[in-house]
């Protein structure tokens, strides 16, 4: 079949897809490795959840603001309030995720809390089924008990590490639910109406405002964190919130759901390695078994669900990381 210029569409289409796909794989690998340091950086900061979320997002605004302004000046059209409100809703979910996740890190450990948070893929799939009537494959449903069993082992069934792994795991699941809400909002906002830096700026601004308000109301917000806590939070802002998110945001445009999901499984693996090196967090043998069960099952779910999604010029995105 030929187009209006008399050229075969298949011949022109193949190079334009293969090259970005390779670049997308490299981007998601880089993004996963970078964001895998997030939990360890928050663990090193040793501040309250609201303080960690407020400064991690607040510091990032200083860099995202100029980028968003530059992007806005180049845009051909403005952005409507419904689009901005949708991105702000994602920021609210992100703030809840960060504050609860920080507590989970303290109770369970940086690496294992990241693994538990990875179960958000189940909540994203459930939301797709409930809200958008998207079907779920039988193979994915069969993996749910394996994931739950892995989570139980991480929570301390049969031996554990961490000061309170059961509560830490429970909070990790709450964090995963909030993270799933953020993912759904972020995915729906990846369009020409609010691309790249502007979306990240609105999300981060909303997360900063909510975490600051919660910290002020509960008396847990430290407006002048001491050194080196301030340094670790600044590093998390620049490395994870700005660089890591920007990289993963670009990867979304070039990868299918299955490739992005599987690539991002490097993130909990990297988190375990960073936690062992930076914090001395070593999971028990049974918790490692649970970790393998969760990561392997999430990879399987991503694969089975990805096979059911037809290829498109703008493939869907799966899980960017905190």
C-alpha atoms as a PDB file:
ATOM      1  CA  UNK A   1       0.000   0.000   0.000  1.00  0.00           C
ATOM      2  CA  UNK A   2       1.323   3.426  -1.041  1.00  0.00           C
ATOM      3  CA  UNK A   3       0.724   6.868   0.406  1.00  0.00           C
ATOM      4  CA  UNK A   4       0.042  10.166  -1.384  1.00  0.00           C
ATOM      5  CA  UNK A   5       3.719  10.543  -2.277  1.00  0.00           C
ATOM      6  CA  UNK A   6       3.863   7.107  -3.843  1.00  0.00           C
ATOM      7  CA  UNK A   7       6.090   5.581  -1.164  1.00  0.00           C
ATOM      8  CA  UNK A   8       5.453   2.335   0.612  1.00  0.00           C
ATOM      9  CA  UNK A   9       4.337   3.048   4.178  1.00  0.00           C
ATOM     10  CA  UNK A  10       5.924  -0.100   5.584  1.00  0.00           C
ATOM     11  CA  UNK A  11       9.323   0.914   4.227  1.00  0.00           C
ATOM     12  CA  UNK A  12       9.123   4.373   5.839  1.00  0.00           C
ATOM     13  CA  UNK A  13       7.578   3.158   9.106  1.00  0.00           C
ATOM     14  CA  UNK A  14      10.118   0.504  10.112  1.00  0.00           C
ATOM     15  CA  UNK A  15      13.167   2.736  10.686  1.00  0.00           C
ATOM     16  CA  UNK A  16      11.155   5.347  12.578  1.00  0.00           C
ATOM     17  CA  UNK A  17       9.968   2.746  15.047  1.00  0.00           C
ATOM     18  CA  UNK A  18      13.073   0.598  15.518  1.00  0.00           C
ATOM     19  CA  UNK A  19      15.437   3.455  16.348  1.00  0.00           C
ATOM     20  CA  UNK A  20      13.257   5.078  19.062  1.00  0.00           C
ATOM     21  CA  UNK A  21      12.549   1.632  20.533  1.00  0.00           C
ATOM     22  CA  UNK A  22      16.252   1.001  21.081  1.00  0.00           C
ATOM     23  CA  UNK A  23      16.647   4.443  22.580  1.00  0.00           C
ATOM     24  CA  UNK A  24      13.606   3.846  24.765  1.00  0.00           C
ATOM     25  CA  UNK A  25      15.121   0.651  26.178  1.00  0.00           C
ATOM     26  CA  UNK A  26      18.321   2.482  27.079  1.00  0.00           C
ATOM     27  CA  UNK A  27      16.323   5.291  28.677  1.00  0.00           C
ATOM     28  CA  UNK A  28      14.204   2.987  30.816  1.00  0.00           C
ATOM     29  CA  UNK A  29      17.275   1.060  31.989  1.00  0.00           C
ATOM     30  CA  UNK A  30      19.001   4.315  32.940  1.00  0.00           C
ATOM     31  CA  UNK A  31      15.843   5.643  34.614  1.00  0.00           C
ATOM     32  CA  UNK A  32      15.313   2.427  36.579  1.00  0.00           C
ATOM     33  CA  UNK A  33      18.884   2.379  37.864  1.00  0.00           C
ATOM     34  CA  UNK A  34      18.747   6.063  38.855  1.00  0.00           C
ATOM     35  CA  UNK A  35      15.372   5.909  40.595  1.00  0.00           C
ATOM     36  CA  UNK A  36      16.445   2.733  42.368  1.00  0.00           C
ATOM     37  CA  UNK A  37      18.479   4.989  44.645  1.00  0.00           C
ATOM     38  CA  UNK A  38      15.381   6.850  45.876  1.00  0.00           C
ATOM     39  CA  UNK A  39      14.629   4.767  48.985  1.00  0.00           C
ATOM     40  CA  UNK A  40      18.265   4.734  50.102  1.00  0.00           C
ATOM     41  CA  UNK A  41      18.564   8.505  49.717  1.00  0.00           C
ATOM     42  CA  UNK A  42      15.431   9.001  51.833  1.00  0.00           C
ATOM     43  CA  UNK A  43      16.793   6.527  54.374  1.00  0.00           C
ATOM     44  CA  UNK A  44      20.049   8.456  54.587  1.00  0.00           C
ATOM     45  CA  UNK A  45      18.171  11.754  55.034  1.00  0.00           C
ATOM     46  CA  UNK A  46      16.617  10.510  58.313  1.00  0.00           C
ATOM     47  CA  UNK A  47      13.745  13.003  58.360  1.00  0.00           C
ATOM     48  CA  UNK A  48       9.973  12.656  58.683  1.00  0.00           C
ATOM     49  CA  UNK A  49       7.846  11.590  55.716  1.00  0.00           C
ATOM     50  CA  UNK A  50       6.276  15.038  55.167  1.00  0.00           C
ATOM     51  CA  UNK A  51       9.686  16.715  55.421  1.00  0.00           C
ATOM     52  CA  UNK A  52      11.220  14.280  52.933  1.00  0.00           C
ATOM     53  CA  UNK A  53       8.380  14.711  50.438  1.00  0.00           C
ATOM     54  CA  UNK A  54       8.261  18.511  50.877  1.00  0.00           C
ATOM     55  CA  UNK A  55      11.963  19.115  50.252  1.00  0.00           C
ATOM     56  CA  UNK A  56      12.469  16.413  47.654  1.00  0.00           C
ATOM     57  CA  UNK A  57       9.678  17.957  45.574  1.00  0.00           C
ATOM     58  CA  UNK A  58      10.378  21.554  46.610  1.00  0.00           C
ATOM     59  CA  UNK A  59      14.030  21.452  45.573  1.00  0.00           C
ATOM     60  CA  UNK A  60      12.989  19.909  42.257  1.00  0.00           C
ATOM     61  CA  UNK A  61      10.702  22.862  41.483  1.00  0.00           C
ATOM     62  CA  UNK A  62      13.714  25.143  41.182  1.00  0.00           C
ATOM     63  CA  UNK A  63      14.887  23.122  38.175  1.00  0.00           C
ATOM     64  CA  UNK A  64      11.507  22.115  36.743  1.00  0.00           C
ATOM     65  CA  UNK A  65      10.198  25.712  36.767  1.00  0.00           C
ATOM     66  CA  UNK A  66      12.578  27.085  34.096  1.00  0.00           C
ATOM     67  CA  UNK A  67      12.164  23.915  32.013  1.00  0.00           C
ATOM     68  CA  UNK A  68       8.371  24.194  32.148  1.00  0.00           C
ATOM     69  CA  UNK A  69       8.518  27.898  31.254  1.00  0.00           C
ATOM     70  CA  UNK A  70      10.773  27.198  28.281  1.00  0.00           C
ATOM     71  CA  UNK A  71       8.449  24.421  27.109  1.00  0.00           C
ATOM     72  CA  UNK A  72       5.409  26.680  27.509  1.00  0.00           C
ATOM     73  CA  UNK A  73       6.954  29.410  25.348  1.00  0.00           C
ATOM     74  CA  UNK A  74       7.571  26.902  22.574  1.00  0.00           C
ATOM     75  CA  UNK A  75       4.030  25.461  22.748  1.00  0.00           C
ATOM     76  CA  UNK A  76       1.555  26.438  20.061  1.00  0.00           C
ATOM     77  CA  UNK A  77      -1.475  26.429  22.377  1.00  0.00           C
ATOM     78  CA  UNK A  78      -2.315  26.909  26.024  1.00  0.00           C
ATOM     79  CA  UNK A  79      -3.386  24.285  28.546  1.00  0.00           C
ATOM     80  CA  UNK A  80      -6.927  24.023  29.905  1.00  0.00           C
ATOM     81  CA  UNK A  81      -7.760  23.840  33.595  1.00  0.00           C
ATOM     82  CA  UNK A  82      -9.134  20.248  33.403  1.00  0.00           C
ATOM     83  CA  UNK A  83      -5.729  19.057  32.195  1.00  0.00           C
ATOM     84  CA  UNK A  84      -3.946  20.965  34.959  1.00  0.00           C
ATOM     85  CA  UNK A  85      -6.385  19.620  37.569  1.00  0.00           C
ATOM     86  CA  UNK A  86      -5.740  16.076  36.410  1.00  0.00           C
ATOM     87  CA  UNK A  87      -1.992  16.538  36.796  1.00  0.00           C
ATOM     88  CA  UNK A  88      -2.499  18.145  40.226  1.00  0.00           C
ATOM     89  CA  UNK A  89      -4.539  15.111  41.292  1.00  0.00           C
ATOM     90  CA  UNK A  90      -1.556  12.960  40.360  1.00  0.00           C
ATOM     91  CA  UNK A  91       0.603  15.182  42.545  1.00  0.00           C
ATOM     92  CA  UNK A  92      -1.716  14.621  45.513  1.00  0.00           C
ATOM     93  CA  UNK A  93      -1.420  10.859  45.034  1.00  0.00           C
ATOM     94  CA  UNK A  94       2.365  11.181  44.739  1.00  0.00           C
ATOM     95  CA  UNK A  95       2.569  13.129  48.015  1.00  0.00           C
ATOM     96  CA  UNK A  96       0.575  10.439  49.851  1.00  0.00           C
ATOM     97  CA  UNK A  97       2.789   7.777  48.301  1.00  0.00           C
ATOM     98  CA  UNK A  98       6.031   9.508  49.334  1.00  0.00           C
ATOM     99  CA  UNK A  99       4.923  10.212  52.913  1.00  0.00           C
ATOM    100  CA  UNK A 100       3.639   6.696  53.569  1.00  0.00           C
ATOM    101  CA  UNK A 101       6.520   5.058  51.719  1.00  0.00           C
ATOM    102  CA  UNK A 102       9.043   6.946  53.866  1.00  0.00           C
ATOM    103  CA  UNK A 103       7.563   5.319  56.972  1.00  0.00           C
ATOM    104  CA  UNK A 104       7.631   1.920  55.262  1.00  0.00           C
ATOM    105  CA  UNK A 105      11.331   2.398  54.487  1.00  0.00           C
ATOM    106  CA  UNK A 106      12.079   3.006  58.167  1.00  0.00           C
ATOM    107  CA  UNK A 107      10.188  -0.111  59.301  1.00  0.00           C
ATOM    108  CA  UNK A 108      10.957  -2.582  56.511  1.00  0.00           C
ATOM    109  CA  UNK A 109      14.139  -1.346  54.841  1.00  0.00           C
ATOM    110  CA  UNK A 110      14.839   0.619  51.687  1.00  0.00           C
ATOM    111  CA  UNK A 111      15.168  -2.347  49.339  1.00  0.00           C
ATOM    112  CA  UNK A 112      12.225  -4.443  50.512  1.00  0.00           C
ATOM    113  CA  UNK A 113       9.878  -1.457  50.754  1.00  0.00           C
ATOM    114  CA  UNK A 114      10.604  -0.759  47.093  1.00  0.00           C
ATOM    115  CA  UNK A 115       9.785  -4.359  46.177  1.00  0.00           C
ATOM    116  CA  UNK A 116       6.448  -4.163  48.020  1.00  0.00           C
ATOM    117  CA  UNK A 117       5.647  -0.864  46.326  1.00  0.00           C
ATOM    118  CA  UNK A 118       6.147  -2.622  42.995  1.00  0.00           C
ATOM    119  CA  UNK A 119       2.847  -4.446  43.603  1.00  0.00           C
ATOM    120  CA  UNK A 120       1.165  -1.269  42.351  1.00  0.00           C
ATOM    121  CA  UNK A 121       0.927  -3.063  38.993  1.00  0.00           C
ATOM    122  CA  UNK A 122      -1.938  -5.104  40.470  1.00  0.00           C
ATOM    123  CA  UNK A 123      -3.815  -1.982  41.543  1.00  0.00           C
ATOM    124  CA  UNK A 124      -3.279  -0.341  38.159  1.00  0.00           C
ATOM    125  CA  UNK A 125      -4.703  -3.436  36.475  1.00  0.00           C
ATOM    126  CA  UNK A 126      -7.630  -3.533  38.927  1.00  0.00           C
ATOM    127  CA  UNK A 127      -8.372   0.143  38.281  1.00  0.00           C
ATOM    128  CA  UNK A 128      -8.330  -0.489  34.550  1.00  0.00           C
ATOM    129  CA  UNK A 129     -10.838  -3.300  35.049  1.00  0.00           C
ATOM    130  CA  UNK A 130     -13.136  -1.337  37.378  1.00  0.00           C
ATOM    131  CA  UNK A 131     -12.969   2.107  35.761  1.00  0.00           C
ATOM    132  CA  UNK A 132     -12.292   1.393  32.108  1.00  0.00           C
ATOM    133  CA  UNK A 133     -13.645  -2.160  31.793  1.00  0.00           C
ATOM    134  CA  UNK A 134     -10.288  -3.469  30.613  1.00  0.00           C
ATOM    135  CA  UNK A 135     -10.068  -7.245  30.848  1.00  0.00           C
ATOM    136  CA  UNK A 136      -7.274  -9.026  32.717  1.00  0.00           C
ATOM    137  CA  UNK A 137      -5.720 -12.199  31.340  1.00  0.00           C
ATOM    138  CA  UNK A 138      -6.177 -15.487  33.178  1.00  0.00           C
ATOM    139  CA  UNK A 139      -2.393 -15.901  33.335  1.00  0.00           C
ATOM    140  CA  UNK A 140      -2.078 -12.608  35.212  1.00  0.00           C
ATOM    141  CA  UNK A 141      -4.802 -13.581  37.669  1.00  0.00           C
ATOM    142  CA  UNK A 142      -3.009 -16.883  38.294  1.00  0.00           C
ATOM    143  CA  UNK A 143       0.090 -14.941  39.369  1.00  0.00           C
ATOM    144  CA  UNK A 144      -1.760 -12.957  42.059  1.00  0.00           C
ATOM    145  CA  UNK A 145      -1.460 -15.694  44.732  1.00  0.00           C
ATOM    146  CA  UNK A 146       2.272 -15.956  44.021  1.00  0.00           C
ATOM    147  CA  UNK A 147       2.671 -12.194  44.480  1.00  0.00           C
ATOM    148  CA  UNK A 148       0.661 -12.269  47.702  1.00  0.00           C
ATOM    149  CA  UNK A 149       2.762 -15.159  48.974  1.00  0.00           C
ATOM    150  CA  UNK A 150       5.931 -13.241  48.170  1.00  0.00           C
ATOM    151  CA  UNK A 151       4.597 -10.192  50.008  1.00  0.00           C
ATOM    152  CA  UNK A 152       3.801 -12.390  53.028  1.00  0.00           C
ATOM    153  CA  UNK A 153       7.400 -13.629  53.117  1.00  0.00           C
ATOM    154  CA  UNK A 154       8.679 -10.053  52.882  1.00  0.00           C
ATOM    155  CA  UNK A 155       6.342  -9.113  55.750  1.00  0.00           C
ATOM    156  CA  UNK A 156       8.187 -11.520  58.015  1.00  0.00           C
ATOM    157  CA  UNK A 157       6.408 -14.857  57.809  1.00  0.00           C
ATOM    158  CA  UNK A 158       9.076 -17.357  58.804  1.00  0.00           C
ATOM    159  CA  UNK A 159      11.830 -14.873  59.642  1.00  0.00           C
ATOM    160  CA  UNK A 160      12.634 -11.329  58.716  1.00  0.00           C
ATOM    161  CA  UNK A 161      14.799  -8.251  58.914  1.00  0.00           C
ATOM    162  CA  UNK A 162      13.610  -4.733  59.715  1.00  0.00           C
ATOM    163  CA  UNK A 163      12.305  -3.174  62.937  1.00  0.00           C
ATOM    164  CA  UNK A 164       8.636  -3.919  62.141  1.00  0.00           C
ATOM    165  CA  UNK A 165       8.353  -5.720  58.791  1.00  0.00           C
ATOM    166  CA  UNK A 166       4.633  -6.482  59.131  1.00  0.00           C
ATOM    167  CA  UNK A 167       3.604  -2.843  59.578  1.00  0.00           C
ATOM    168  CA  UNK A 168       6.239  -1.764  57.057  1.00  0.00           C
ATOM    169  CA  UNK A 169       4.767  -4.131  54.464  1.00  0.00           C
ATOM    170  CA  UNK A 170       1.218  -2.929  55.185  1.00  0.00           C
ATOM    171  CA  UNK A 171       2.302   0.675  54.705  1.00  0.00           C
ATOM    172  CA  UNK A 172       4.151  -0.359  51.555  1.00  0.00           C
ATOM    173  CA  UNK A 173       0.886  -1.694  50.138  1.00  0.00           C
ATOM    174  CA  UNK A 174      -0.886   1.573  51.027  1.00  0.00           C
ATOM    175  CA  UNK A 175       1.943   3.375  49.270  1.00  0.00           C
ATOM    176  CA  UNK A 176       1.495   1.107  46.241  1.00  0.00           C
ATOM    177  CA  UNK A 177      -2.212   2.025  46.056  1.00  0.00           C
ATOM    178  CA  UNK A 178      -1.382   5.748  46.123  1.00  0.00           C
ATOM    179  CA  UNK A 179       1.381   5.171  43.600  1.00  0.00           C
ATOM    180  CA  UNK A 180      -1.075   3.406  41.301  1.00  0.00           C
ATOM    181  CA  UNK A 181      -3.322   6.479  41.446  1.00  0.00           C
ATOM    182  CA  UNK A 182      -0.373   8.629  40.493  1.00  0.00           C
ATOM    183  CA  UNK A 183       0.540   6.281  37.626  1.00  0.00           C
ATOM    184  CA  UNK A 184      -2.986   6.430  36.202  1.00  0.00           C
ATOM    185  CA  UNK A 185      -2.957  10.221  36.355  1.00  0.00           C
ATOM    186  CA  UNK A 186       0.522  10.519  34.863  1.00  0.00           C
ATOM    187  CA  UNK A 187      -0.259   8.121  32.037  1.00  0.00           C
ATOM    188  CA  UNK A 188      -3.437   9.983  31.106  1.00  0.00           C
ATOM    189  CA  UNK A 189      -1.537  13.271  31.063  1.00  0.00           C
ATOM    190  CA  UNK A 190       1.134  12.166  28.592  1.00  0.00           C
ATOM    191  CA  UNK A 191      -0.336  14.007  25.622  1.00  0.00           C
ATOM    192  CA  UNK A 192       0.376  17.154  23.682  1.00  0.00           C
ATOM    193  CA  UNK A 193      -1.830  19.231  26.001  1.00  0.00           C
ATOM    194  CA  UNK A 194       0.577  18.901  28.940  1.00  0.00           C
ATOM    195  CA  UNK A 195       3.853  17.291  27.884  1.00  0.00           C
ATOM    196  CA  UNK A 196       7.113  16.640  29.673  1.00  0.00           C
ATOM    197  CA  UNK A 197       8.394  19.350  31.990  1.00  0.00           C
ATOM    198  CA  UNK A 198       5.072  21.137  32.433  1.00  0.00           C
ATOM    199  CA  UNK A 199       3.354  18.004  33.626  1.00  0.00           C
ATOM    200  CA  UNK A 200       6.193  17.209  36.011  1.00  0.00           C
ATOM    201  CA  UNK A 201       6.096  20.774  37.331  1.00  0.00           C
ATOM    202  CA  UNK A 202       2.351  20.689  38.104  1.00  0.00           C
ATOM    203  CA  UNK A 203       2.625  17.223  39.686  1.00  0.00           C
ATOM    204  CA  UNK A 204       5.610  18.234  41.815  1.00  0.00           C
ATOM    205  CA  UNK A 205       4.038  21.543  42.866  1.00  0.00           C
ATOM    206  CA  UNK A 206       0.868  19.794  44.080  1.00  0.00           C
ATOM    207  CA  UNK A 207       2.935  17.177  45.949  1.00  0.00           C
ATOM    208  CA  UNK A 208       4.997  19.914  47.600  1.00  0.00           C
ATOM    209  CA  UNK A 209       1.894  21.825  48.728  1.00  0.00           C
ATOM    210  CA  UNK A 210       0.135  18.786  50.206  1.00  0.00           C
ATOM    211  CA  UNK A 211       3.166  17.358  52.000  1.00  0.00           C
ATOM    212  CA  UNK A 212       3.957  20.790  53.427  1.00  0.00           C
ATOM    213  CA  UNK A 213       0.371  21.199  54.664  1.00  0.00           C
ATOM    214  CA  UNK A 214       0.317  17.735  56.254  1.00  0.00           C
ATOM    215  CA  UNK A 215       3.673  18.346  57.917  1.00  0.00           C
ATOM    216  CA  UNK A 216       2.561  21.730  59.266  1.00  0.00           C
ATOM    217  CA  UNK A 217      -0.728  20.352  60.637  1.00  0.00           C
ATOM    218  CA  UNK A 218       0.930  17.352  62.302  1.00  0.00           C
ATOM    219  CA  UNK A 219       3.974  19.253  63.530  1.00  0.00           C
ATOM    220  CA  UNK A 220       6.344  16.938  61.634  1.00  0.00           C
ATOM    221  CA  UNK A 221       7.636  19.426  59.040  1.00  0.00           C
ATOM    222  CA  UNK A 222      11.209  20.569  59.647  1.00  0.00           C
ATOM    223  CA  UNK A 223      11.676  23.781  57.660  1.00  0.00           C
ATOM    224  CA  UNK A 224      15.427  23.810  58.236  1.00  0.00           C
ATOM    225  CA  UNK A 225      16.728  20.247  57.946  1.00  0.00           C
ATOM    226  CA  UNK A 226      20.267  19.892  59.208  1.00  0.00           C
ATOM    227  CA  UNK A 227      23.256  18.773  57.197  1.00  0.00           C
ATOM    228  CA  UNK A 228      23.708  16.167  55.778  1.00  0.00           C
ATOM    229  CA  UNK A 229      19.924  15.549  55.634  1.00  0.00           C
ATOM    230  CA  UNK A 230      19.430  18.623  53.455  1.00  0.00           C
ATOM    231  CA  UNK A 231      22.111  17.367  51.071  1.00  0.00           C
ATOM    232  CA  UNK A 232      20.544  13.921  50.701  1.00  0.00           C
ATOM    233  CA  UNK A 233      17.129  15.504  50.017  1.00  0.00           C
ATOM    234  CA  UNK A 234      18.630  17.845  47.423  1.00  0.00           C
ATOM    235  CA  UNK A 235      20.343  14.893  45.742  1.00  0.00           C
ATOM    236  CA  UNK A 236      17.051  12.960  45.692  1.00  0.00           C
ATOM    237  CA  UNK A 237      15.347  15.970  44.115  1.00  0.00           C
ATOM    238  CA  UNK A 238      17.899  16.438  41.350  1.00  0.00           C
ATOM    239  CA  UNK A 239      18.763  12.799  40.698  1.00  0.00           C
ATOM    240  CA  UNK A 240      15.342  11.146  41.078  1.00  0.00           C
ATOM    241  CA  UNK A 241      12.593  13.747  40.840  1.00  0.00           C
ATOM    242  CA  UNK A 242      14.079  15.750  37.951  1.00  0.00           C
ATOM    243  CA  UNK A 243      16.566  13.581  36.051  1.00  0.00           C
ATOM    244  CA  UNK A 244      15.033  10.149  36.697  1.00  0.00           C
ATOM    245  CA  UNK A 245      11.477  11.241  35.969  1.00  0.00           C
ATOM    246  CA  UNK A 246      12.494  13.154  32.843  1.00  0.00           C
ATOM    247  CA  UNK A 247      14.293  10.100  31.492  1.00  0.00           C
ATOM    248  CA  UNK A 248      11.351   7.784  32.201  1.00  0.00           C
ATOM    249  CA  UNK A 249       8.920  10.317  30.762  1.00  0.00           C
ATOM    250  CA  UNK A 250      10.826  10.260  27.467  1.00  0.00           C
ATOM    251  CA  UNK A 251      10.970   6.452  27.539  1.00  0.00           C
ATOM    252  CA  UNK A 252       7.172   6.339  27.699  1.00  0.00           C
ATOM    253  CA  UNK A 253       6.910   7.713  24.181  1.00  0.00           C
ATOM    254  CA  UNK A 254       8.943   4.899  22.615  1.00  0.00           C
ATOM    255  CA  UNK A 255       8.145   1.680  24.475  1.00  0.00           C
ATOM    256  CA  UNK A 256       5.202  -0.645  24.745  1.00  0.00           C
ATOM    257  CA  UNK A 257       3.735  -1.538  28.120  1.00  0.00           C
ATOM    258  CA  UNK A 258       5.537  -4.879  28.351  1.00  0.00           C
ATOM    259  CA  UNK A 259       8.983  -3.469  27.537  1.00  0.00           C
ATOM    260  CA  UNK A 260       8.638  -0.582  29.971  1.00  0.00           C
ATOM    261  CA  UNK A 261       7.277  -2.790  32.764  1.00  0.00           C
ATOM    262  CA  UNK A 262       9.997  -5.396  32.438  1.00  0.00           C
ATOM    263  CA  UNK A 263      12.722  -2.761  32.130  1.00  0.00           C
ATOM    264  CA  UNK A 264      11.551  -1.053  35.296  1.00  0.00           C
ATOM    265  CA  UNK A 265      11.950  -4.288  37.248  1.00  0.00           C
ATOM    266  CA  UNK A 266      15.600  -3.252  37.450  1.00  0.00           C
ATOM    267  CA  UNK A 267      14.440  -0.564  39.881  1.00  0.00           C
ATOM    268  CA  UNK A 268      13.676  -2.815  42.904  1.00  0.00           C
ATOM    269  CA  UNK A 269      16.805  -4.851  42.151  1.00  0.00           C
ATOM    270  CA  UNK A 270      18.858  -1.654  42.151  1.00  0.00           C
ATOM    271  CA  UNK A 271      17.063  -0.551  45.335  1.00  0.00           C
ATOM    272  CA  UNK A 272      18.134  -3.728  47.129  1.00  0.00           C
ATOM    273  CA  UNK A 273      21.738  -3.214  46.034  1.00  0.00           C
ATOM    274  CA  UNK A 274      21.780   0.457  47.061  1.00  0.00           C
ATOM    275  CA  UNK A 275      20.189  -0.396  50.428  1.00  0.00           C
ATOM    276  CA  UNK A 276      22.833  -3.015  51.168  1.00  0.00           C
ATOM    277  CA  UNK A 277      25.693  -0.676  50.215  1.00  0.00           C
ATOM    278  CA  UNK A 278      24.455   2.612  51.676  1.00  0.00           C
ATOM    279  CA  UNK A 279      22.380   1.487  54.661  1.00  0.00           C
ATOM    280  CA  UNK A 280      23.562  -2.024  55.460  1.00  0.00           C
ATOM    281  CA  UNK A 281      20.039  -3.400  54.943  1.00  0.00           C
ATOM    282  CA  UNK A 282      20.251  -7.110  54.259  1.00  0.00           C
ATOM    283  CA  UNK A 283      17.006  -9.081  53.915  1.00  0.00           C
ATOM    284  CA  UNK A 284      16.629 -12.562  55.377  1.00  0.00           C
ATOM    285  CA  UNK A 285      16.758 -15.637  53.147  1.00  0.00           C
ATOM    286  CA  UNK A 286      12.969 -16.009  53.134  1.00  0.00           C
ATOM    287  CA  UNK A 287      12.518 -12.325  52.342  1.00  0.00           C
ATOM    288  CA  UNK A 288      14.831 -12.783  49.369  1.00  0.00           C
ATOM    289  CA  UNK A 289      12.648 -15.693  48.230  1.00  0.00           C
ATOM    290  CA  UNK A 290       9.620 -13.410  48.538  1.00  0.00           C
ATOM    291  CA  UNK A 291      11.441 -10.711  46.571  1.00  0.00           C
ATOM    292  CA  UNK A 292      12.167 -13.119  43.715  1.00  0.00           C
ATOM    293  CA  UNK A 293       8.523 -14.248  43.752  1.00  0.00           C
ATOM    294  CA  UNK A 294       7.206 -10.682  43.571  1.00  0.00           C
ATOM    295  CA  UNK A 295       9.616  -9.442  40.894  1.00  0.00           C
ATOM    296  CA  UNK A 296       9.239 -12.574  38.778  1.00  0.00           C
ATOM    297  CA  UNK A 297       5.439 -12.492  38.993  1.00  0.00           C
ATOM    298  CA  UNK A 298       5.266  -8.793  38.171  1.00  0.00           C
ATOM    299  CA  UNK A 299       7.460  -9.473  35.126  1.00  0.00           C
ATOM    300  CA  UNK A 300       5.116 -12.276  34.105  1.00  0.00           C
ATOM    301  CA  UNK A 301       2.044 -10.080  34.554  1.00  0.00           C
ATOM    302  CA  UNK A 302       3.651  -7.318  32.479  1.00  0.00           C
ATOM    303  CA  UNK A 303       4.472  -9.826  29.754  1.00  0.00           C
ATOM    304  CA  UNK A 304       1.030 -11.414  29.598  1.00  0.00           C
ATOM    305  CA  UNK A 305      -0.789  -8.075  29.663  1.00  0.00           C
ATOM    306  CA  UNK A 306       1.617  -6.545  27.145  1.00  0.00           C
ATOM    307  CA  UNK A 307       0.948  -9.339  24.629  1.00  0.00           C
ATOM    308  CA  UNK A 308      -2.742  -8.444  24.682  1.00  0.00           C
ATOM    309  CA  UNK A 309      -2.183  -4.778  23.755  1.00  0.00           C
ATOM    310  CA  UNK A 310      -1.941  -4.107  20.000  1.00  0.00           C
ATOM    311  CA  UNK A 311       1.013  -2.115  18.703  1.00  0.00           C
ATOM    312  CA  UNK A 312       0.395   1.585  18.144  1.00  0.00           C
ATOM    313  CA  UNK A 313       2.328   4.637  17.144  1.00  0.00           C
ATOM    314  CA  UNK A 314       1.875   5.978  20.706  1.00  0.00           C
ATOM    315  CA  UNK A 315       2.241   2.943  22.974  1.00  0.00           C
ATOM    316  CA  UNK A 316       0.892   2.968  26.488  1.00  0.00           C
ATOM    317  CA  UNK A 317       3.158   3.406  29.478  1.00  0.00           C
ATOM    318  CA  UNK A 318       3.394   1.332  32.578  1.00  0.00           C
ATOM    319  CA  UNK A 319       5.327   2.287  35.700  1.00  0.00           C
ATOM    320  CA  UNK A 320       7.604   5.147  36.163  1.00  0.00           C
ATOM    321  CA  UNK A 321       9.328   5.191  39.605  1.00  0.00           C
ATOM    322  CA  UNK A 322       9.327   7.512  42.595  1.00  0.00           C
END
